[in-house]
Structure formats: structure tokens, C-alpha cells
Amino acid sequence: MALDMNVDLDEKLEQLAKVPKTIRLAVVCALLVSIAGAYWYMSYQPAQARRAELVTQAQELQRTLNNARAVANNLPAFEAEVAELERDLDLALKQLPNRKQFEDLLQDISTAGKKVGVSIKTIDRSKEVKRDFYAEVPFNLELEGTYHDLARFFEMVATLPRIVNVGALQIDVQKETRTATRLKVSGKATTFRFLSGEA
């Protein structure tokens, strides 16, 4: 059975002409509204969403660019500040070393004693006491010398690059003559070291 594919265009136009004008206008309006709605949902709305997304990305990139320009404009100032902070850190690490350098400190103390005529009898290291980021390194010491020599010795210890706190001292007369009095000093001192991430 064959389908009749021939459509008489004139006949269809006559049928359409018989439809009332208001219905024809309503059908045309409905068709236009359908086309506009399809365009809105399928093309315009996704394009607007993509545009808003691109605007947000552009604003974020502009902020990043402005921050980078600000850093680039102040780069010499930042570099100078970093260099100054590194110098401060180096100075602090000399006062609070990150390695065990007790022997170096003993050598410095012995040298200071020899320079001013103080005899260092003993220096005994005690157990470390760990704190947050540093450790206290206490040690007992025993010295002999005249009052003035001992004063110069403690002055030299105070000027060492390493921090040394001298605690309570016991002072006794070791030997007394008409020309000089020799004193015996014993007590505890404390130095410090940087723990540098140790457990």
C-alpha cells in the first residue's frame, strides 16, 4: 500500500485561509514564543552563565596581577627586609647556637680567665633542660683570683657572643697577704642552645 506523498499546496492554503484570523494570530504568536523560549534556554541563558563565570575569573586574575605588580614594585624593599631578617637570625644563632658548642664556650671562658689572671679550677657541665625551642645548658664552675681580676673576668664573659648567665656565687677568701687577697668563687652558670627541630 503506497502513501500519497503529493500535497496540494493550494488546497492547504485555502484551508488555512478559512481559519479565523484570531486563531491564525494566536498560532503565530505561540510559535514565536516557543522559538524565543527555546533560544532563551538553549543559547542565551548558558551564554550569560558562561559570561558571568568569565567575568569572575577576569576579576580574580586582575587581583592577582595587581598583587604581583605591588610586590614587583616593592621588590627592593622586600629584598632589603629579608636580608636584614637573615642578619638578625645569624646574630641570634650566634647567641643561641643550633649545635652543641659547649667545648667552644669552655675555650672562650678559659681564654678570658688566662687574659685577666683568673685560675679556672673546674667547669662541670650539668644535664640540659629542654624548653620550647631552646635548651638550658647549666654548668658549675670554680675560680680563683683577686677581686679585680675576677671582676674583669666576668666582664669578659658578659661580652662573649654566646649568652652566659651567671647565677648565685659563693665567694670565700682563699689566701690573704699584705699585698693581695685571693678569692675562691664557686657557683653555677647557664648557657643556651637552639634545639633546631629536635624531638
Protein backbone atom coordinates (compact mmCIF):
# COMPACT_ATOMS: atom_id res chain seq x y z
CA MET A 1 0.00 0.00 0.00
CA ALA A 2 1.58 3.27 -1.14
CA LEU A 3 1.22 6.55 0.69
CA ASP A 4 0.16 9.52 -1.34
CA MET A 5 3.06 11.99 -0.83
CA ASN A 6 1.64 14.62 -3.15
CA VAL A 7 0.36 17.54 -1.13
CA ASP A 8 -1.75 20.10 -2.86
CA LEU A 9 -0.35 23.42 -1.65
CA ASP A 10 -3.19 25.50 -2.99
CA GLU A 11 -5.71 23.35 -1.17
CA LYS A 12 -3.80 23.71 2.12
CA LEU A 13 -3.58 27.48 1.72
CA GLU A 14 -7.35 27.63 1.09
CA GLN A 15 -7.95 25.61 4.26
CA LEU A 16 -5.63 27.96 6.18
CA ALA A 17 -7.45 30.97 4.77
CA LYS A 18 -10.71 29.61 6.14
CA VAL A 19 -9.28 29.55 9.70
CA PRO A 20 -10.34 32.68 11.59
CA LYS A 21 -7.74 35.48 11.75
CA THR A 22 -7.54 35.48 15.56
CA ILE A 23 -6.66 31.80 15.66
CA ARG A 24 -4.03 32.28 12.98
CA LEU A 25 -2.50 35.17 15.01
CA ALA A 26 -2.61 33.09 18.19
CA VAL A 27 -0.83 30.18 16.47
CA VAL A 28 1.83 32.52 15.02
CA CYS A 29 2.32 34.16 18.45
CA ALA A 30 2.59 30.78 20.16
CA LEU A 31 5.12 29.68 17.56
CA LEU A 32 7.21 32.85 18.08
CA VAL A 33 7.05 32.47 21.87
CA SER A 34 8.17 28.83 21.56
CA ILE A 35 11.11 29.84 19.34
CA ALA A 36 12.07 32.66 21.78
CA GLY A 37 11.83 30.28 24.78
CA ALA A 38 13.93 27.65 23.07
CA TYR A 39 16.54 30.31 22.23
CA TRP A 40 16.50 31.55 25.86
CA TYR A 41 17.01 28.12 27.42
CA MET A 42 19.32 26.63 24.83
CA SER A 43 21.53 29.56 23.86
CA TYR A 44 21.10 32.87 25.73
CA GLN A 45 20.97 31.59 29.33
CA PRO A 46 24.08 29.30 29.04
CA ALA A 47 25.94 32.12 27.30
CA GLN A 48 25.07 34.52 30.16
CA ALA A 49 26.19 31.97 32.77
CA ARG A 50 29.47 31.46 30.92
CA ARG A 51 29.91 35.24 30.63
CA ALA A 52 29.41 35.68 34.41
CA GLU A 53 31.94 32.91 35.06
CA LEU A 54 34.47 34.55 32.74
CA VAL A 55 33.90 37.96 34.39
CA THR A 56 34.60 36.40 37.82
CA GLN A 57 37.77 34.74 36.52
CA ALA A 58 38.90 38.00 34.93
CA GLN A 59 38.38 39.88 38.21
CA GLU A 60 40.36 37.24 40.14
CA LEU A 61 43.19 37.37 37.60
CA GLN A 62 43.17 41.18 37.80
CA ARG A 63 43.50 41.00 41.61
CA THR A 64 46.38 38.52 41.27
CA LEU A 65 48.04 40.77 38.70
CA ASN A 66 47.64 43.83 40.94
CA ASN A 67 49.18 41.93 43.89
CA ALA A 68 52.07 40.77 41.71
CA ARG A 69 52.64 44.34 40.48
CA ALA A 70 52.62 45.62 44.08
CA VAL A 71 55.23 43.03 45.07
CA ALA A 72 57.30 43.76 41.96
CA ASN A 73 57.19 47.50 42.67
CA ASN A 74 58.35 46.92 46.26
CA LEU A 75 60.80 44.13 45.46
CA PRO A 76 63.93 46.07 46.51
CA ALA A 77 62.30 46.92 49.86
CA PHE A 78 61.26 43.28 50.36
CA GLU A 79 64.76 42.05 49.48
CA ALA A 80 66.31 44.54 51.92
CA GLU A 81 63.90 43.43 54.66
CA VAL A 82 64.69 39.74 54.02
CA ALA A 83 68.44 40.47 54.13
CA GLU A 84 68.03 42.33 57.43
CA LEU A 85 65.98 39.46 58.91
CA GLU A 86 68.67 36.98 57.82
CA ARG A 87 71.34 39.10 59.53
CA ASP A 88 69.23 39.22 62.70
CA LEU A 89 68.78 35.44 62.56
CA ASP A 90 72.54 34.90 62.14
CA LEU A 91 73.21 37.14 65.13
CA ALA A 92 70.59 35.33 67.22
CA LEU A 93 72.02 31.93 66.28
CA LYS A 94 75.47 33.07 67.42
CA GLN A 95 73.95 33.87 70.80
CA LEU A 96 71.74 30.78 70.78
CA PRO A 97 73.56 28.27 68.57
CA ASN A 98 71.73 25.43 66.91
CA ARG A 99 74.58 22.96 67.55
CA LYS A 100 76.23 21.75 70.74
CA GLN A 101 79.26 24.00 71.10
CA PHE A 102 79.99 23.67 74.79
CA GLU A 103 83.68 22.94 74.14
CA ASP A 104 83.99 26.21 72.18
CA LEU A 105 82.42 28.04 75.11
CA LEU A 106 84.85 26.37 77.55
CA GLN A 107 87.73 27.52 75.36
CA ASP A 108 86.38 31.09 75.34
CA ILE A 109 85.97 31.07 79.13
CA SER A 110 89.46 29.63 79.65
CA THR A 111 90.96 32.25 77.34
CA ALA A 112 89.15 35.01 79.21
CA GLY A 113 90.48 33.65 82.53
CA LYS A 114 94.07 33.49 81.25
CA LYS A 115 93.91 37.05 79.89
CA VAL A 116 92.97 38.54 83.26
CA GLY A 117 94.91 36.19 85.57
CA VAL A 118 92.00 34.12 86.90
CA SER A 119 92.67 30.45 87.57
CA ILE A 120 89.80 28.20 86.45
CA LYS A 121 89.83 25.17 88.72
CA THR A 122 86.77 23.28 87.42
CA ILE A 123 83.98 23.59 84.89
CA ASP A 124 81.47 20.72 85.09
CA ARG A 125 78.54 20.53 82.72
CA SER A 126 75.16 19.54 84.18
CA LYS A 127 72.19 17.91 82.45
CA GLU A 128 70.38 20.02 79.83
CA VAL A 129 66.89 21.32 80.49
CA LYS A 130 64.80 21.42 77.28
CA ARG A 131 62.33 24.25 76.79
CA ASP A 132 60.08 25.12 73.80
CA PHE A 133 62.70 25.88 71.14
CA TYR A 134 65.89 26.02 73.18
CA ALA A 135 67.73 24.07 75.87
CA GLU A 136 69.33 25.44 79.01
CA VAL A 137 72.88 24.11 79.46
CA PRO A 138 73.89 24.63 83.12
CA PHE A 139 77.44 24.15 84.38
CA ASN A 140 79.23 24.50 87.70
CA LEU A 141 82.44 26.44 87.87
CA GLU A 142 85.14 27.14 90.40
CA LEU A 143 87.57 30.06 90.01
CA GLU A 144 90.40 31.67 91.91
CA GLY A 145 91.76 35.18 91.56
CA THR A 146 91.89 38.65 93.02
CA TYR A 147 88.76 40.74 93.31
CA HIS A 148 89.70 42.98 90.36
CA ASP A 149 90.80 40.04 88.18
CA LEU A 150 87.51 38.25 88.86
CA ALA A 151 85.52 41.41 88.03
CA ARG A 152 87.37 41.74 84.68
CA PHE A 153 86.81 38.04 84.02
CA PHE A 154 83.04 38.32 84.48
CA GLU A 155 83.05 41.45 82.32
CA MET A 156 84.76 39.49 79.52
CA VAL A 157 82.29 36.60 79.88
CA ALA A 158 79.45 39.12 79.54
CA THR A 159 80.84 40.29 76.18
CA LEU A 160 81.13 36.78 74.68
CA PRO A 161 78.96 36.28 71.57
CA ARG A 162 77.26 33.40 73.34
CA ILE A 163 74.72 34.11 76.09
CA VAL A 164 76.02 33.08 79.53
CA ASN A 165 74.01 33.80 82.66
CA VAL A 166 75.96 33.60 85.91
CA GLY A 167 73.82 32.58 88.87
CA ALA A 168 74.41 32.83 92.63
CA LEU A 169 78.09 32.71 93.52
CA GLN A 170 79.76 31.72 96.75
CA ILE A 171 82.88 33.78 97.46
CA ASP A 172 85.46 32.71 100.04
CA VAL A 173 88.88 34.08 100.89
CA GLN A 174 91.42 31.57 99.59
CA LYS A 175 94.60 33.37 100.67
CA GLU A 176 95.21 36.78 102.19
CA THR A 177 98.51 38.65 102.34
CA ARG A 178 99.51 42.26 102.95
CA THR A 179 99.64 42.96 99.21
CA ALA A 180 96.69 40.98 97.86
CA THR A 181 93.68 38.87 98.73
CA ARG A 182 92.99 35.81 96.63
CA LEU A 183 89.35 34.75 96.41
CA LYS A 184 87.78 31.41 95.64
CA VAL A 185 84.49 31.68 93.69
CA SER A 186 82.14 28.77 93.07
CA GLY A 187 78.69 28.79 91.56
CA LYS A 188 76.52 27.89 88.62
CA ALA A 189 76.28 29.47 85.17
CA THR A 190 73.90 28.70 82.32
CA THR A 191 74.24 28.94 78.58
CA PHE A 192 71.65 28.06 75.95
CA ARG A 193 71.38 26.29 72.63
CA PHE A 194 68.80 26.27 69.87
CA LEU A 195 67.02 22.91 69.54
CA SER A 196 66.54 23.25 65.76
CA GLY A 197 63.63 20.83 65.43
CA GLU A 198 64.99 18.14 67.75
CA ALA A 199 62.48 15.81 69.36
